[in-house]
Amino acid sequence: MGQVSSFCLFRCEEEPLAVRVDDVAEVLEVDAFVRISLCPPLVVGLCPYHREVAPVVTLANNPDHSRREDGREGASSSPKTVLILQTSQGVWGIWVRGGVTVVSGPRPVGHEPLRRGGGAVIVGSLMAGGTSHSVIDPEATWRELRGSVEAWYGTILESGNTFRVAGSHQSAAAQRPTPAPLASGSR
């Protein structure tokens, strides 16, 4: 963290965040996010990225609040800004409030990774424009978010909650596919 580098500065809700420019694939504007049924609050939806589909998350401490304003539950139809990050697991996006600014030269102050509410893994802070921005580690943040999503779905499946699916009541457990039995003598 001690070397001079370029960073993208942005806000998720009101929290100022930063990520190294080297980790950014693109900044997109999308009209809306594609909904995902029964997804946890931190998952805003999906958006197209070239010939791929990227999951979009919010790193907000209160993701339920973000969901109400994301275009899925009666929010405005104004374009949404998505910061697309490239990690070893592939591309994923962060829903950004406002714009993205690129700064060069400031030296972030590094520290041990801190896991924070909303799924972000903070590895330092960066002063720019009189504001302290928390620097996120995209790889560690993706792993944390993925773990949170898997735990959320695990909790739903274990709870046996009943959801409204295609006009009928089915338990989450009933929606799981049942593996087909192997035919005798087949390999």
N, C-alpha and C. Protein backbone atom coordinates (compact mmCIF):
# COMPACT_ATOMS: atom_id res chain seq x y z
N MET A 1 0.79 -1.19 0.00
CA MET A 1 0.00 0.00 0.00
C MET A 1 0.84 1.27 0.00
N GLY A 2 2.15 1.18 0.19
CA GLY A 2 2.96 2.37 0.32
C GLY A 2 3.32 3.02 -1.01
N GLN A 3 3.12 2.35 -2.15
CA GLN A 3 3.53 2.92 -3.42
C GLN A 3 2.44 3.81 -4.01
N VAL A 4 2.87 4.74 -4.87
CA VAL A 4 1.94 5.66 -5.53
C VAL A 4 1.17 4.87 -6.57
N SER A 5 -0.13 5.08 -6.61
CA SER A 5 -0.98 4.36 -7.54
C SER A 5 -2.20 5.22 -7.84
N SER A 6 -3.04 4.75 -8.74
CA SER A 6 -4.29 5.44 -9.06
C SER A 6 -5.45 4.68 -8.44
N PHE A 7 -6.43 5.43 -7.97
CA PHE A 7 -7.60 4.85 -7.31
C PHE A 7 -8.87 5.43 -7.88
N CYS A 8 -9.92 4.61 -7.91
CA CYS A 8 -11.27 5.07 -8.21
C CYS A 8 -11.93 5.37 -6.87
N LEU A 9 -12.46 6.57 -6.74
CA LEU A 9 -13.19 6.97 -5.54
C LEU A 9 -14.67 6.96 -5.86
N PHE A 10 -15.48 6.44 -4.94
CA PHE A 10 -16.92 6.35 -5.16
C PHE A 10 -17.62 6.27 -3.81
N ARG A 11 -18.94 6.32 -3.86
CA ARG A 11 -19.75 6.19 -2.65
C ARG A 11 -20.74 5.05 -2.83
N CYS A 12 -20.86 4.27 -1.77
CA CYS A 12 -21.90 3.25 -1.69
C CYS A 12 -22.76 3.71 -0.53
N GLU A 13 -23.99 4.14 -0.84
CA GLU A 13 -24.80 4.91 0.10
C GLU A 13 -24.02 6.18 0.37
N GLU A 14 -23.75 6.50 1.61
CA GLU A 14 -23.01 7.72 1.91
C GLU A 14 -21.56 7.44 2.26
N GLU A 15 -21.16 6.17 2.23
CA GLU A 15 -19.79 5.83 2.63
C GLU A 15 -18.81 6.01 1.49
N PRO A 16 -17.76 6.83 1.71
CA PRO A 16 -16.74 6.99 0.68
C PRO A 16 -15.81 5.77 0.64
N LEU A 17 -15.66 5.19 -0.55
CA LEU A 17 -14.83 4.01 -0.74
C LEU A 17 -13.84 4.26 -1.87
N ALA A 18 -12.82 3.42 -1.94
CA ALA A 18 -11.81 3.50 -2.99
C ALA A 18 -11.39 2.10 -3.38
N VAL A 19 -10.97 1.96 -4.64
CA VAL A 19 -10.44 0.70 -5.14
C VAL A 19 -9.35 1.06 -6.16
N ARG A 20 -8.32 0.23 -6.22
CA ARG A 20 -7.24 0.50 -7.17
C ARG A 20 -7.77 0.44 -8.60
N VAL A 21 -7.33 1.37 -9.43
CA VAL A 21 -7.75 1.41 -10.83
C VAL A 21 -7.42 0.10 -11.54
N ASP A 22 -6.31 -0.53 -11.17
CA ASP A 22 -5.91 -1.80 -11.79
C ASP A 22 -6.97 -2.89 -11.62
N ASP A 23 -7.83 -2.78 -10.60
CA ASP A 23 -8.86 -3.78 -10.35
C ASP A 23 -10.18 -3.46 -11.04
N VAL A 24 -10.27 -2.30 -11.67
CA VAL A 24 -11.52 -1.86 -12.31
C VAL A 24 -11.51 -2.26 -13.78
N ALA A 25 -12.56 -2.95 -14.19
CA ALA A 25 -12.70 -3.33 -15.60
C ALA A 25 -13.40 -2.21 -16.38
N GLU A 26 -14.42 -1.60 -15.77
CA GLU A 26 -15.19 -0.58 -16.47
C GLU A 26 -16.18 0.07 -15.50
N VAL A 27 -16.63 1.26 -15.86
CA VAL A 27 -17.72 1.92 -15.15
C VAL A 27 -18.88 1.98 -16.14
N LEU A 28 -20.02 1.42 -15.75
CA LEU A 28 -21.19 1.33 -16.63
C LEU A 28 -22.34 2.15 -16.10
N GLU A 29 -23.21 2.59 -17.00
CA GLU A 29 -24.51 3.10 -16.62
C GLU A 29 -25.54 2.15 -17.20
N VAL A 30 -26.45 1.68 -16.35
CA VAL A 30 -27.50 0.77 -16.79
C VAL A 30 -28.85 1.37 -16.41
N ASP A 31 -29.86 1.03 -17.20
CA ASP A 31 -31.20 1.55 -16.91
C ASP A 31 -31.83 0.88 -15.70
N ALA A 32 -31.59 -0.41 -15.56
CA ALA A 32 -32.18 -1.17 -14.46
C ALA A 32 -31.35 -2.43 -14.25
N PHE A 33 -31.55 -3.03 -13.10
CA PHE A 33 -30.91 -4.31 -12.79
C PHE A 33 -31.92 -5.42 -13.03
N VAL A 34 -31.42 -6.57 -13.45
CA VAL A 34 -32.28 -7.75 -13.63
C VAL A 34 -32.45 -8.39 -12.25
N ARG A 35 -33.68 -8.61 -11.87
CA ARG A 35 -33.98 -9.17 -10.57
C ARG A 35 -33.60 -10.64 -10.49
N ILE A 36 -33.25 -11.06 -9.27
CA ILE A 36 -32.99 -12.46 -9.00
C ILE A 36 -33.96 -12.87 -7.89
N SER A 37 -34.73 -13.89 -8.15
CA SER A 37 -35.72 -14.33 -7.15
C SER A 37 -35.04 -14.80 -5.88
N LEU A 38 -35.64 -14.48 -4.76
CA LEU A 38 -35.21 -14.95 -3.44
C LEU A 38 -33.75 -14.64 -3.14
N CYS A 39 -33.26 -13.51 -3.59
CA CYS A 39 -31.85 -13.18 -3.34
C CYS A 39 -31.71 -12.38 -2.05
N PRO A 40 -30.55 -12.45 -1.42
CA PRO A 40 -30.32 -11.68 -0.20
C PRO A 40 -30.28 -10.19 -0.49
N PRO A 41 -30.53 -9.35 0.50
CA PRO A 41 -30.60 -7.91 0.29
C PRO A 41 -29.34 -7.28 -0.31
N LEU A 42 -28.17 -7.85 -0.07
CA LEU A 42 -26.96 -7.24 -0.60
C LEU A 42 -26.81 -7.42 -2.10
N VAL A 43 -27.55 -8.35 -2.69
CA VAL A 43 -27.50 -8.56 -4.14
C VAL A 43 -28.58 -7.68 -4.78
N VAL A 44 -28.13 -6.69 -5.54
CA VAL A 44 -29.04 -5.77 -6.18
C VAL A 44 -29.66 -6.40 -7.42
N GLY A 45 -28.88 -7.21 -8.12
CA GLY A 45 -29.37 -7.88 -9.32
C GLY A 45 -28.22 -8.19 -10.26
N LEU A 46 -28.55 -8.29 -11.53
CA LEU A 46 -27.57 -8.58 -12.57
C LEU A 46 -27.57 -7.44 -13.58
N CYS A 47 -26.43 -7.24 -14.24
CA CYS A 47 -26.37 -6.28 -15.34
C CYS A 47 -25.51 -6.86 -16.45
N PRO A 48 -25.80 -6.46 -17.69
CA PRO A 48 -24.99 -6.96 -18.80
C PRO A 48 -23.62 -6.29 -18.81
N TYR A 49 -22.61 -7.08 -19.12
CA TYR A 49 -21.25 -6.55 -19.26
C TYR A 49 -20.63 -7.27 -20.45
N HIS A 50 -20.55 -6.57 -21.57
CA HIS A 50 -20.08 -7.13 -22.84
C HIS A 50 -20.87 -8.40 -23.13
N ARG A 51 -20.24 -9.55 -23.20
CA ARG A 51 -20.98 -10.79 -23.48
C ARG A 51 -21.19 -11.61 -22.22
N GLU A 52 -21.09 -10.97 -21.08
CA GLU A 52 -21.26 -11.64 -19.80
C GLU A 52 -22.41 -11.00 -19.03
N VAL A 53 -22.76 -11.62 -17.94
CA VAL A 53 -23.72 -11.05 -17.01
C VAL A 53 -22.99 -10.94 -15.68
N ALA A 54 -22.99 -9.74 -15.11
CA ALA A 54 -22.26 -9.51 -13.87
C ALA A 54 -23.23 -9.34 -12.71
N PRO A 55 -22.98 -10.03 -11.59
CA PRO A 55 -23.78 -9.77 -10.40
C PRO A 55 -23.43 -8.39 -9.86
N VAL A 56 -24.43 -7.69 -9.38
CA VAL A 56 -24.23 -6.35 -8.82
C VAL A 56 -24.67 -6.38 -7.36
N VAL A 57 -23.81 -5.85 -6.49
CA VAL A 57 -24.09 -5.83 -5.06
C VAL A 57 -24.04 -4.41 -4.54
N THR A 58 -24.55 -4.24 -3.35
CA THR A 58 -24.36 -3.00 -2.63
C THR A 58 -23.47 -3.32 -1.43
N LEU A 59 -22.57 -2.43 -1.13
CA LEU A 59 -21.71 -2.60 0.04
C LEU A 59 -22.24 -1.77 1.20
N ALA A 60 -23.50 -1.35 1.10
CA ALA A 60 -24.12 -0.52 2.12
C ALA A 60 -24.27 -1.30 3.42
N ASN A 61 -24.18 -0.59 4.53
CA ASN A 61 -24.40 -1.22 5.82
C ASN A 61 -25.85 -1.62 6.01
N ASN A 62 -26.78 -0.97 5.29
CA ASN A 62 -28.19 -1.29 5.37
C ASN A 62 -28.69 -1.63 3.97
N PRO A 63 -28.42 -2.86 3.49
CA PRO A 63 -28.79 -3.20 2.12
C PRO A 63 -30.29 -3.19 1.87
N ASP A 64 -31.14 -3.37 2.89
CA ASP A 64 -32.58 -3.31 2.67
C ASP A 64 -32.99 -1.93 2.19
N HIS A 65 -32.35 -0.88 2.72
CA HIS A 65 -32.64 0.49 2.30
C HIS A 65 -32.25 0.66 0.83
N SER A 66 -31.10 0.15 0.44
CA SER A 66 -30.63 0.27 -0.94
C SER A 66 -31.60 -0.42 -1.90
N ARG A 67 -32.10 -1.56 -1.50
CA ARG A 67 -33.01 -2.31 -2.37
C ARG A 67 -34.24 -1.53 -2.71
N ARG A 68 -34.75 -0.75 -1.76
CA ARG A 68 -35.95 0.02 -2.03
C ARG A 68 -35.70 1.10 -3.07
N GLU A 69 -34.44 1.47 -3.25
CA GLU A 69 -34.12 2.56 -4.17
C GLU A 69 -33.42 2.09 -5.43
N ASP A 70 -33.38 0.80 -5.70
CA ASP A 70 -32.57 0.29 -6.80
C ASP A 70 -33.31 0.11 -8.11
N GLY A 71 -34.53 0.57 -8.22
CA GLY A 71 -35.25 0.42 -9.47
C GLY A 71 -36.15 -0.79 -9.48
N ARG A 72 -36.15 -1.58 -8.41
CA ARG A 72 -36.99 -2.78 -8.39
C ARG A 72 -38.24 -2.57 -7.56
N GLU A 73 -38.23 -1.65 -6.64
CA GLU A 73 -39.37 -1.50 -5.74
C GLU A 73 -39.89 -0.07 -5.76
N GLY A 74 -40.25 0.42 -6.93
CA GLY A 74 -40.87 1.72 -7.05
C GLY A 74 -39.90 2.89 -7.09
N ALA A 75 -38.65 2.67 -7.37
CA ALA A 75 -37.68 3.75 -7.43
C ALA A 75 -37.72 4.43 -8.80
N SER A 76 -36.99 5.53 -8.92
CA SER A 76 -36.95 6.26 -10.18
C SER A 76 -36.28 5.42 -11.26
N SER A 77 -36.54 5.78 -12.50
CA SER A 77 -35.96 5.01 -13.61
C SER A 77 -34.68 5.64 -14.13
N SER A 78 -34.04 6.49 -13.34
CA SER A 78 -32.79 7.11 -13.79
C SER A 78 -31.69 6.05 -13.90
N PRO A 79 -30.71 6.27 -14.78
CA PRO A 79 -29.64 5.29 -14.94
C PRO A 79 -28.88 5.05 -13.63
N LYS A 80 -28.41 3.83 -13.48
CA LYS A 80 -27.64 3.43 -12.30
C LYS A 80 -26.18 3.24 -12.71
N THR A 81 -25.28 3.66 -11.84
CA THR A 81 -23.85 3.53 -12.11
C THR A 81 -23.33 2.26 -11.44
N VAL A 82 -22.60 1.46 -12.21
CA VAL A 82 -22.03 0.21 -11.70
C VAL A 82 -20.53 0.24 -11.95
N LEU A 83 -19.77 0.01 -10.90
CA LEU A 83 -18.32 -0.12 -10.99
C LEU A 83 -18.03 -1.60 -11.17
N ILE A 84 -17.58 -2.00 -12.37
CA ILE A 84 -17.30 -3.40 -12.66
C ILE A 84 -15.86 -3.70 -12.27
N LEU A 85 -15.70 -4.70 -11.40
CA LEU A 85 -14.38 -5.10 -10.93
C LEU A 85 -14.00 -6.45 -11.53
N GLN A 86 -12.71 -6.60 -11.81
CA GLN A 86 -12.20 -7.86 -12.35
C GLN A 86 -11.39 -8.55 -11.25
N THR A 87 -11.81 -9.77 -10.89
CA THR A 87 -11.09 -10.56 -9.91
C THR A 87 -10.76 -11.91 -10.50
N SER A 88 -10.04 -12.72 -9.77
CA SER A 88 -9.71 -14.05 -10.28
C SER A 88 -10.96 -14.90 -10.46
N GLN A 89 -12.05 -14.58 -9.76
CA GLN A 89 -13.31 -15.32 -9.89
C GLN A 89 -14.15 -14.83 -11.06
N GLY A 90 -13.75 -13.73 -11.68
CA GLY A 90 -14.51 -13.15 -12.79
C GLY A 90 -14.92 -11.72 -12.48
N VAL A 91 -15.88 -11.22 -13.24
CA VAL A 91 -16.32 -9.84 -13.04
C VAL A 91 -17.52 -9.79 -12.11
N TRP A 92 -17.61 -8.70 -11.37
CA TRP A 92 -18.76 -8.41 -10.52
C TRP A 92 -18.84 -6.91 -10.37
N GLY A 93 -19.99 -6.42 -9.96
CA GLY A 93 -20.18 -4.98 -9.90
C GLY A 93 -20.63 -4.48 -8.54
N ILE A 94 -20.30 -3.22 -8.29
CA ILE A 94 -20.76 -2.52 -7.09
C ILE A 94 -21.67 -1.40 -7.57
N TRP A 95 -22.86 -1.31 -6.99
CA TRP A 95 -23.78 -0.22 -7.31
C TRP A 95 -23.26 1.03 -6.63
N VAL A 96 -22.96 2.04 -7.43
CA VAL A 96 -22.35 3.27 -6.96
C VAL A 96 -23.39 4.39 -6.95
N ARG A 97 -23.39 5.16 -5.88
CA ARG A 97 -24.25 6.34 -5.81
C ARG A 97 -23.46 7.54 -6.29
N GLY A 98 -23.93 8.19 -7.34
CA GLY A 98 -23.19 9.32 -7.88
C GLY A 98 -22.16 8.83 -8.86
N GLY A 99 -21.11 9.58 -9.01
CA GLY A 99 -20.09 9.25 -10.00
C GLY A 99 -18.88 8.57 -9.41
N VAL A 100 -17.94 8.33 -10.28
CA VAL A 100 -16.65 7.71 -9.92
C VAL A 100 -15.57 8.71 -10.32
N THR A 101 -14.65 8.95 -9.41
CA THR A 101 -13.54 9.86 -9.66
C THR A 101 -12.24 9.08 -9.60
N VAL A 102 -11.33 9.36 -10.52
CA VAL A 102 -10.02 8.71 -10.50
C VAL A 102 -9.00 9.73 -10.00
N VAL A 103 -8.21 9.32 -9.00
CA VAL A 103 -7.14 10.16 -8.47
C VAL A 103 -5.83 9.39 -8.56
N SER A 104 -4.75 10.11 -8.78
CA SER A 104 -3.42 9.51 -8.83
C SER A 104 -2.54 10.19 -7.81
N GLY A 105 -1.67 9.42 -7.22
CA GLY A 105 -0.66 9.99 -6.35
C GLY A 105 -0.86 9.86 -4.87
N PRO A 106 -2.10 9.91 -4.35
CA PRO A 106 -2.20 9.82 -2.89
C PRO A 106 -1.72 8.46 -2.40
N ARG A 107 -1.11 8.46 -1.25
CA ARG A 107 -0.62 7.21 -0.65
C ARG A 107 -1.61 6.74 0.40
N PRO A 108 -2.20 5.60 0.17
CA PRO A 108 -3.12 5.07 1.18
C PRO A 108 -2.36 4.58 2.41
N VAL A 109 -3.03 4.65 3.53
CA VAL A 109 -2.49 4.10 4.77
C VAL A 109 -3.06 2.70 4.90
N GLY A 110 -2.20 1.69 4.87
CA GLY A 110 -2.64 0.31 4.93
C GLY A 110 -2.81 -0.18 6.35
N HIS A 111 -3.62 -1.19 6.52
CA HIS A 111 -3.79 -1.87 7.81
C HIS A 111 -4.25 -3.29 7.55
N GLU A 112 -4.31 -4.06 8.62
CA GLU A 112 -4.79 -5.44 8.50
C GLU A 112 -6.21 -5.42 7.94
N PRO A 113 -6.58 -6.40 7.11
CA PRO A 113 -7.93 -6.42 6.55
C PRO A 113 -9.00 -6.42 7.64
N LEU A 114 -10.00 -5.55 7.44
CA LEU A 114 -11.13 -5.46 8.36
C LEU A 114 -12.39 -5.83 7.61
N ARG A 115 -13.15 -6.77 8.15
CA ARG A 115 -14.44 -7.12 7.55
C ARG A 115 -15.47 -6.21 8.17
N ARG A 116 -16.22 -5.55 7.31
CA ARG A 116 -17.19 -4.57 7.74
C ARG A 116 -18.57 -4.99 7.29
N GLY A 117 -19.58 -4.49 7.97
CA GLY A 117 -20.95 -4.74 7.56
C GLY A 117 -21.12 -4.39 6.09
N GLY A 118 -21.98 -5.08 5.40
CA GLY A 118 -22.17 -4.85 3.98
C GLY A 118 -21.27 -5.71 3.12
N GLY A 119 -20.32 -6.43 3.73
CA GLY A 119 -19.49 -7.35 2.98
C GLY A 119 -18.13 -6.84 2.55
N ALA A 120 -17.87 -5.55 2.68
CA ALA A 120 -16.59 -5.02 2.22
C ALA A 120 -15.45 -5.45 3.14
N VAL A 121 -14.30 -5.74 2.53
CA VAL A 121 -13.07 -6.01 3.28
C VAL A 121 -12.18 -4.80 3.04
N ILE A 122 -11.94 -4.05 4.11
CA ILE A 122 -11.20 -2.80 4.05
C ILE A 122 -9.73 -3.08 4.38
N VAL A 123 -8.83 -2.60 3.50
CA VAL A 123 -7.40 -2.84 3.70
C VAL A 123 -6.60 -1.56 3.91
N GLY A 124 -7.28 -0.43 4.00
CA GLY A 124 -6.59 0.82 4.22
C GLY A 124 -7.52 2.00 4.08
N SER A 125 -6.94 3.19 4.17
CA SER A 125 -7.71 4.41 3.98
C SER A 125 -6.91 5.37 3.10
N LEU A 126 -7.61 6.21 2.40
CA LEU A 126 -7.01 7.13 1.45
C LEU A 126 -7.66 8.49 1.62
N MET A 127 -6.85 9.52 1.87
CA MET A 127 -7.37 10.89 1.99
C MET A 127 -7.38 11.53 0.61
N ALA A 128 -8.52 12.03 0.19
CA ALA A 128 -8.63 12.74 -1.08
C ALA A 128 -9.75 13.76 -0.95
N GLY A 129 -9.45 15.00 -1.32
CA GLY A 129 -10.46 16.04 -1.25
C GLY A 129 -10.97 16.29 0.15
N GLY A 130 -10.12 16.07 1.15
CA GLY A 130 -10.53 16.29 2.53
C GLY A 130 -11.41 15.20 3.12
N THR A 131 -11.58 14.11 2.38
CA THR A 131 -12.43 12.99 2.83
C THR A 131 -11.60 11.73 2.91
N SER A 132 -11.81 10.95 3.95
CA SER A 132 -11.14 9.66 4.10
C SER A 132 -11.99 8.59 3.41
N HIS A 133 -11.39 7.90 2.45
CA HIS A 133 -12.05 6.82 1.72
C HIS A 133 -11.50 5.48 2.20
N SER A 134 -12.37 4.55 2.50
CA SER A 134 -11.95 3.19 2.87
C SER A 134 -11.56 2.44 1.60
N VAL A 135 -10.35 1.87 1.58
CA VAL A 135 -9.86 1.14 0.41
C VAL A 135 -10.29 -0.32 0.55
N ILE A 136 -11.00 -0.81 -0.47
CA ILE A 136 -11.46 -2.20 -0.42
C ILE A 136 -10.52 -3.11 -1.21
N ASP A 137 -10.45 -4.36 -0.79
CA ASP A 137 -9.72 -5.41 -1.50
C ASP A 137 -10.78 -6.19 -2.30
N PRO A 138 -10.80 -6.05 -3.62
CA PRO A 138 -11.85 -6.70 -4.42
C PRO A 138 -11.88 -8.22 -4.29
N GLU A 139 -10.72 -8.88 -4.24
CA GLU A 139 -10.70 -10.35 -4.12
C GLU A 139 -11.30 -10.79 -2.78
N ALA A 140 -10.83 -10.21 -1.70
CA ALA A 140 -11.32 -10.58 -0.37
C ALA A 140 -12.78 -10.19 -0.20
N THR A 141 -13.17 -9.04 -0.76
CA THR A 141 -14.56 -8.60 -0.67
C THR A 141 -15.46 -9.58 -1.42
N TRP A 142 -15.04 -10.02 -2.61
CA TRP A 142 -15.85 -10.98 -3.36
C TRP A 142 -16.02 -12.28 -2.56
N ARG A 143 -14.94 -12.76 -1.97
CA ARG A 143 -15.04 -14.00 -1.17
C ARG A 143 -16.00 -13.80 0.01
N GLU A 144 -15.91 -12.66 0.66
CA GLU A 144 -16.80 -12.36 1.80
C GLU A 144 -18.26 -12.28 1.34
N LEU A 145 -18.50 -11.59 0.22
CA LEU A 145 -19.87 -11.48 -0.31
C LEU A 145 -20.41 -12.84 -0.71
N ARG A 146 -19.59 -13.63 -1.38
CA ARG A 146 -20.03 -14.96 -1.81
C ARG A 146 -20.37 -15.83 -0.60
N GLY A 147 -19.52 -15.77 0.43
CA GLY A 147 -19.81 -16.51 1.66
C GLY A 147 -21.11 -16.06 2.31
N SER A 148 -21.37 -14.76 2.30
CA SER A 148 -22.62 -14.23 2.87
C SER A 148 -23.83 -14.72 2.08
N VAL A 149 -23.72 -14.72 0.76
CA VAL A 149 -24.83 -15.18 -0.08
C VAL A 149 -25.08 -16.67 0.15
N GLU A 150 -24.02 -17.47 0.18
CA GLU A 150 -24.18 -18.91 0.41
C GLU A 150 -24.79 -19.18 1.78
N ALA A 151 -24.36 -18.44 2.80
CA ALA A 151 -24.92 -18.61 4.14
C ALA A 151 -26.40 -18.22 4.16
N TRP A 152 -26.75 -17.16 3.44
CA TRP A 152 -28.13 -16.70 3.40
C TRP A 152 -29.02 -17.77 2.77
N TYR A 153 -28.60 -18.30 1.62
CA TYR A 153 -29.38 -19.36 0.99
C TYR A 153 -29.43 -20.62 1.86
N GLY A 154 -28.34 -20.95 2.54
CA GLY A 154 -28.33 -22.10 3.44
C GLY A 154 -29.34 -21.93 4.56
N THR A 155 -29.42 -20.73 5.11
CA THR A 155 -30.38 -20.44 6.18
C THR A 155 -31.80 -20.59 5.66
N ILE A 156 -32.05 -20.08 4.47
CA ILE A 156 -33.39 -20.18 3.88
C ILE A 156 -33.78 -21.64 3.67
N LEU A 157 -32.87 -22.43 3.11
CA LEU A 157 -33.19 -23.83 2.85
C LEU A 157 -33.39 -24.62 4.15
N GLU A 158 -32.57 -24.32 5.16
CA GLU A 158 -32.70 -25.04 6.43
C GLU A 158 -33.95 -24.65 7.19
N SER A 159 -34.42 -23.42 7.00
CA SER A 159 -35.57 -22.94 7.78
C SER A 159 -36.87 -23.56 7.29
N GLY A 160 -36.90 -24.04 6.03
CA GLY A 160 -38.13 -24.60 5.50
C GLY A 160 -39.19 -23.54 5.27
N ASN A 161 -38.78 -22.27 5.14
CA ASN A 161 -39.73 -21.18 4.89
C ASN A 161 -40.56 -21.48 3.66
N THR A 162 -41.77 -20.99 3.65
CA THR A 162 -42.64 -21.14 2.51
C THR A 162 -42.62 -19.86 1.71
N PHE A 163 -42.42 -19.98 0.41
CA PHE A 163 -42.39 -18.84 -0.48
C PHE A 163 -43.47 -18.99 -1.52
N ARG A 164 -43.90 -17.90 -2.06
CA ARG A 164 -44.87 -17.90 -3.15
C ARG A 164 -44.08 -18.12 -4.43
N VAL A 165 -44.27 -19.25 -5.08
CA VAL A 165 -43.55 -19.58 -6.30
C VAL A 165 -44.55 -19.91 -7.38
N ALA A 166 -44.52 -19.18 -8.47
CA ALA A 166 -45.35 -19.45 -9.65
C ALA A 166 -46.80 -19.75 -9.28
N GLY A 167 -47.36 -18.89 -8.42
CA GLY A 167 -48.77 -19.00 -8.11
C GLY A 167 -49.14 -20.05 -7.07
N SER A 168 -48.18 -20.73 -6.46
CA SER A 168 -48.52 -21.71 -5.44
C SER A 168 -47.54 -21.61 -4.28
N HIS A 169 -47.91 -22.19 -3.15
CA HIS A 169 -47.01 -22.21 -1.99
C HIS A 169 -46.15 -23.46 -2.08
N GLN A 170 -44.83 -23.26 -2.03
CA GLN A 170 -43.90 -24.38 -1.97
C GLN A 170 -42.84 -24.01 -0.95
N SER A 171 -42.36 -24.99 -0.23
CA SER A 171 -41.27 -24.69 0.69
C SER A 171 -39.98 -24.60 -0.11
N ALA A 172 -39.03 -23.87 0.43
CA ALA A 172 -37.73 -23.74 -0.25
C ALA A 172 -37.11 -25.12 -0.45
N ALA A 173 -37.30 -26.00 0.52
CA ALA A 173 -36.73 -27.35 0.42
C ALA A 173 -37.39 -28.11 -0.74
N ALA A 174 -38.67 -27.86 -0.97
CA ALA A 174 -39.37 -28.56 -2.04
C ALA A 174 -38.90 -28.10 -3.42
N GLN A 175 -38.26 -26.92 -3.47
CA GLN A 175 -37.80 -26.38 -4.74
C GLN A 175 -36.46 -26.96 -5.16
N ARG A 176 -35.75 -27.59 -4.22
CA ARG A 176 -34.45 -28.16 -4.56
C ARG A 176 -34.61 -29.33 -5.51
N PRO A 177 -33.80 -29.40 -6.55
CA PRO A 177 -33.92 -30.53 -7.46
C PRO A 177 -33.51 -31.82 -6.77
N THR A 178 -34.18 -32.90 -7.11
CA THR A 178 -33.85 -34.20 -6.57
C THR A 178 -32.99 -34.93 -7.58
N PRO A 179 -31.83 -35.44 -7.16
CA PRO A 179 -30.99 -36.15 -8.13
C PRO A 179 -31.68 -37.40 -8.65
N ALA A 180 -31.50 -37.66 -9.93
CA ALA A 180 -32.10 -38.84 -10.54
C ALA A 180 -31.32 -40.07 -10.10
N PRO A 181 -32.02 -41.16 -9.82
CA PRO A 181 -31.30 -42.39 -9.42
C PRO A 181 -30.51 -42.94 -10.59
N LEU A 182 -29.38 -43.56 -10.30
CA LEU A 182 -28.57 -44.19 -11.34
C LEU A 182 -29.25 -45.48 -11.76
N ALA A 183 -29.25 -45.72 -13.06
CA ALA A 183 -29.80 -46.99 -13.56
C ALA A 183 -28.85 -48.10 -13.16
N SER A 184 -29.42 -49.23 -12.82
CA SER A 184 -28.56 -50.34 -12.39
C SER A 184 -27.67 -50.79 -13.53
N GLY A 185 -26.44 -51.05 -13.21
CA GLY A 185 -25.48 -51.52 -14.19
C GLY A 185 -24.84 -50.42 -15.02
N SER A 186 -25.25 -49.15 -14.84
CA SER A 186 -24.67 -48.06 -15.65
C SER A 186 -23.52 -47.40 -14.90
N ARG A 187 -22.61 -46.83 -15.62
CA ARG A 187 -21.47 -46.12 -15.02
C ARG A 187 -21.42 -44.73 -15.51
